[in-house]
Amino acid sequence: MKTPTEKRDRLVKVRKYASKDIHTQYVVRAYRKLMKMGYKIYSYDKLPREVKNKLSGHPNVCAEKNGKWFS
């Protein structure tokens, strides 16, 4: 479980990109909502191989909770 400081630092990093463009804003909102719902966020590069094989393309958001993947 992340400490409040770690959570705050993560949100600060996410906020840094919030003012770029509308697409980035939607991605940031998705990250925030998924984090609040308890999902663990992954970058595409750090996804397990079996998950990458099931995906088509390069998704913007990849998250996992209790063995269920969201992309």
N, C-alpha and C. Protein backbone atom coordinates (compact mmCIF):
# COMPACT_ATOMS: atom_id res chain seq x y z
N MET A 1 0.84 -1.18 0.00
CA MET A 1 0.00 0.00 0.00
C MET A 1 0.89 1.24 0.00
N LYS A 2 0.52 2.20 -0.80
CA LYS A 2 1.32 3.41 -0.90
C LYS A 2 1.01 4.36 0.25
N THR A 3 2.04 5.04 0.68
CA THR A 3 1.86 6.05 1.72
C THR A 3 1.21 7.29 1.11
N PRO A 4 0.62 8.15 1.93
CA PRO A 4 0.04 9.39 1.39
C PRO A 4 1.06 10.24 0.62
N THR A 5 2.31 10.23 1.06
CA THR A 5 3.34 11.00 0.37
C THR A 5 3.59 10.43 -1.03
N GLU A 6 3.65 9.09 -1.15
CA GLU A 6 3.85 8.46 -2.46
C GLU A 6 2.68 8.75 -3.38
N LYS A 7 1.46 8.70 -2.85
CA LYS A 7 0.29 9.01 -3.65
C LYS A 7 0.32 10.45 -4.13
N ARG A 8 0.69 11.36 -3.23
CA ARG A 8 0.77 12.77 -3.60
C ARG A 8 1.81 13.00 -4.68
N ASP A 9 2.98 12.36 -4.54
CA ASP A 9 4.04 12.51 -5.53
C ASP A 9 3.59 12.00 -6.89
N ARG A 10 2.84 10.90 -6.91
CA ARG A 10 2.33 10.35 -8.17
C ARG A 10 1.36 11.33 -8.81
N LEU A 11 0.47 11.93 -8.03
CA LEU A 11 -0.49 12.88 -8.57
C LEU A 11 0.20 14.15 -9.06
N VAL A 12 1.27 14.55 -8.41
CA VAL A 12 2.01 15.73 -8.86
C VAL A 12 2.60 15.46 -10.23
N LYS A 13 3.16 14.25 -10.42
CA LYS A 13 3.71 13.88 -11.72
C LYS A 13 2.62 13.87 -12.79
N VAL A 14 1.45 13.35 -12.43
CA VAL A 14 0.34 13.28 -13.39
C VAL A 14 -0.15 14.68 -13.71
N ARG A 15 -0.26 15.54 -12.71
CA ARG A 15 -0.73 16.91 -12.93
C ARG A 15 0.17 17.69 -13.86
N LYS A 16 1.45 17.37 -13.84
CA LYS A 16 2.42 18.07 -14.67
C LYS A 16 2.03 17.99 -16.15
N TYR A 17 1.39 16.90 -16.54
CA TYR A 17 1.01 16.70 -17.94
C TYR A 17 -0.42 17.11 -18.23
N ALA A 18 -1.16 17.55 -17.23
CA ALA A 18 -2.59 17.80 -17.39
C ALA A 18 -2.91 18.96 -18.31
N SER A 19 -2.01 19.89 -18.48
CA SER A 19 -2.33 21.07 -19.28
C SER A 19 -1.90 20.95 -20.73
N LYS A 20 -1.44 19.80 -21.18
CA LYS A 20 -0.92 19.64 -22.54
C LYS A 20 -2.02 19.80 -23.59
N ASP A 21 -2.79 18.77 -23.82
CA ASP A 21 -3.87 18.82 -24.79
C ASP A 21 -5.06 18.04 -24.25
N ILE A 22 -6.17 18.06 -24.98
CA ILE A 22 -7.41 17.45 -24.48
C ILE A 22 -7.26 15.94 -24.33
N HIS A 23 -6.55 15.29 -25.24
CA HIS A 23 -6.36 13.84 -25.14
C HIS A 23 -5.59 13.49 -23.87
N THR A 24 -4.54 14.23 -23.59
CA THR A 24 -3.76 13.99 -22.38
C THR A 24 -4.60 14.21 -21.14
N GLN A 25 -5.46 15.21 -21.17
CA GLN A 25 -6.33 15.47 -20.03
C GLN A 25 -7.26 14.28 -19.77
N TYR A 26 -7.80 13.68 -20.83
CA TYR A 26 -8.66 12.51 -20.66
C TYR A 26 -7.88 11.32 -20.10
N VAL A 27 -6.66 11.13 -20.56
CA VAL A 27 -5.84 10.03 -20.06
C VAL A 27 -5.54 10.24 -18.58
N VAL A 28 -5.22 11.47 -18.19
CA VAL A 28 -4.93 11.78 -16.78
C VAL A 28 -6.17 11.52 -15.93
N ARG A 29 -7.33 11.92 -16.41
CA ARG A 29 -8.58 11.65 -15.66
C ARG A 29 -8.81 10.16 -15.49
N ALA A 30 -8.52 9.39 -16.54
CA ALA A 30 -8.68 7.93 -16.45
C ALA A 30 -7.72 7.36 -15.42
N TYR A 31 -6.45 7.81 -15.43
CA TYR A 31 -5.49 7.35 -14.43
C TYR A 31 -5.98 7.65 -13.02
N ARG A 32 -6.42 8.86 -12.79
CA ARG A 32 -6.89 9.25 -11.46
C ARG A 32 -8.06 8.40 -11.00
N LYS A 33 -9.03 8.20 -11.89
CA LYS A 33 -10.21 7.42 -11.52
C LYS A 33 -9.83 5.97 -11.21
N LEU A 34 -8.98 5.39 -12.04
CA LEU A 34 -8.57 4.00 -11.81
C LEU A 34 -7.76 3.87 -10.52
N MET A 35 -6.92 4.85 -10.22
CA MET A 35 -6.16 4.80 -8.97
C MET A 35 -7.09 4.87 -7.76
N LYS A 36 -8.11 5.73 -7.85
CA LYS A 36 -9.07 5.83 -6.75
C LYS A 36 -9.85 4.54 -6.57
N MET A 37 -10.07 3.82 -7.68
CA MET A 37 -10.82 2.56 -7.62
C MET A 37 -9.94 1.39 -7.18
N GLY A 38 -8.65 1.65 -6.96
CA GLY A 38 -7.76 0.62 -6.45
C GLY A 38 -6.98 -0.15 -7.50
N TYR A 39 -6.99 0.31 -8.74
CA TYR A 39 -6.24 -0.36 -9.80
C TYR A 39 -4.77 0.02 -9.70
N LYS A 40 -3.91 -0.88 -10.12
CA LYS A 40 -2.49 -0.61 -10.23
C LYS A 40 -2.21 -0.24 -11.69
N ILE A 41 -1.61 0.91 -11.92
CA ILE A 41 -1.38 1.43 -13.26
C ILE A 41 -0.03 0.92 -13.77
N TYR A 42 -0.01 0.48 -15.04
CA TYR A 42 1.21 0.00 -15.68
C TYR A 42 1.47 0.80 -16.95
N SER A 43 2.74 1.00 -17.27
CA SER A 43 3.08 1.54 -18.58
C SER A 43 3.08 0.35 -19.54
N TYR A 44 2.90 0.63 -20.81
CA TYR A 44 2.83 -0.45 -21.80
C TYR A 44 4.12 -1.27 -21.80
N ASP A 45 5.25 -0.63 -21.61
CA ASP A 45 6.54 -1.31 -21.65
C ASP A 45 6.70 -2.31 -20.51
N LYS A 46 6.02 -2.09 -19.39
CA LYS A 46 6.18 -2.95 -18.23
C LYS A 46 5.07 -3.99 -18.09
N LEU A 47 4.22 -4.11 -19.10
CA LEU A 47 3.16 -5.11 -19.05
C LEU A 47 3.74 -6.51 -19.22
N PRO A 48 3.13 -7.50 -18.57
CA PRO A 48 3.55 -8.89 -18.81
C PRO A 48 3.31 -9.28 -20.27
N ARG A 49 4.15 -10.15 -20.79
CA ARG A 49 4.08 -10.56 -22.19
C ARG A 49 2.71 -11.11 -22.57
N GLU A 50 2.11 -11.92 -21.69
CA GLU A 50 0.81 -12.52 -22.03
C GLU A 50 -0.29 -11.47 -22.17
N VAL A 51 -0.18 -10.37 -21.44
CA VAL A 51 -1.15 -9.29 -21.55
C VAL A 51 -0.91 -8.52 -22.85
N LYS A 52 0.35 -8.25 -23.17
CA LYS A 52 0.67 -7.54 -24.42
C LYS A 52 0.16 -8.30 -25.63
N ASN A 53 0.28 -9.63 -25.59
CA ASN A 53 -0.16 -10.44 -26.73
C ASN A 53 -1.66 -10.34 -26.95
N LYS A 54 -2.44 -10.14 -25.91
CA LYS A 54 -3.89 -10.05 -26.03
C LYS A 54 -4.35 -8.68 -26.54
N LEU A 55 -3.52 -7.66 -26.37
CA LEU A 55 -3.89 -6.31 -26.76
C LEU A 55 -3.59 -6.07 -28.23
N SER A 56 -4.42 -5.27 -28.85
CA SER A 56 -4.13 -4.84 -30.22
C SER A 56 -3.76 -3.37 -30.17
N GLY A 57 -2.63 -3.03 -30.70
CA GLY A 57 -2.19 -1.65 -30.67
C GLY A 57 -1.46 -1.31 -29.39
N HIS A 58 -1.40 -0.04 -29.10
CA HIS A 58 -0.67 0.47 -27.95
C HIS A 58 -1.64 1.30 -27.11
N PRO A 59 -2.28 0.71 -26.07
CA PRO A 59 -3.28 1.45 -25.28
C PRO A 59 -2.65 2.57 -24.44
N ASN A 60 -3.44 3.58 -24.16
CA ASN A 60 -2.98 4.71 -23.35
C ASN A 60 -3.00 4.37 -21.87
N VAL A 61 -3.96 3.55 -21.46
CA VAL A 61 -4.12 3.22 -20.05
C VAL A 61 -4.13 1.71 -19.89
N CYS A 62 -3.27 1.20 -19.03
CA CYS A 62 -3.24 -0.22 -18.70
C CYS A 62 -3.26 -0.33 -17.17
N ALA A 63 -4.25 -1.05 -16.64
CA ALA A 63 -4.38 -1.16 -15.19
C ALA A 63 -4.82 -2.57 -14.82
N GLU A 64 -4.49 -2.98 -13.59
CA GLU A 64 -4.81 -4.32 -13.12
C GLU A 64 -5.31 -4.26 -11.69
N LYS A 65 -6.34 -5.07 -11.42
CA LYS A 65 -6.87 -5.19 -10.06
C LYS A 65 -7.43 -6.60 -9.91
N ASN A 66 -6.92 -7.32 -8.93
CA ASN A 66 -7.37 -8.68 -8.64
C ASN A 66 -7.32 -9.59 -9.86
N GLY A 67 -6.27 -9.46 -10.67
CA GLY A 67 -6.11 -10.32 -11.84
C GLY A 67 -6.92 -9.90 -13.05
N LYS A 68 -7.70 -8.85 -12.95
CA LYS A 68 -8.48 -8.35 -14.08
C LYS A 68 -7.77 -7.14 -14.67
N TRP A 69 -7.64 -7.13 -15.99
CA TRP A 69 -6.92 -6.07 -16.69
C TRP A 69 -7.87 -5.12 -17.35
N PHE A 70 -7.52 -3.85 -17.33
CA PHE A 70 -8.29 -2.79 -17.99
C PHE A 70 -7.32 -2.08 -18.93
N SER A 71 -7.74 -1.92 -20.17
CA SER A 71 -6.89 -1.18 -21.11
C SER A 71 -7.74 -0.40 -22.07
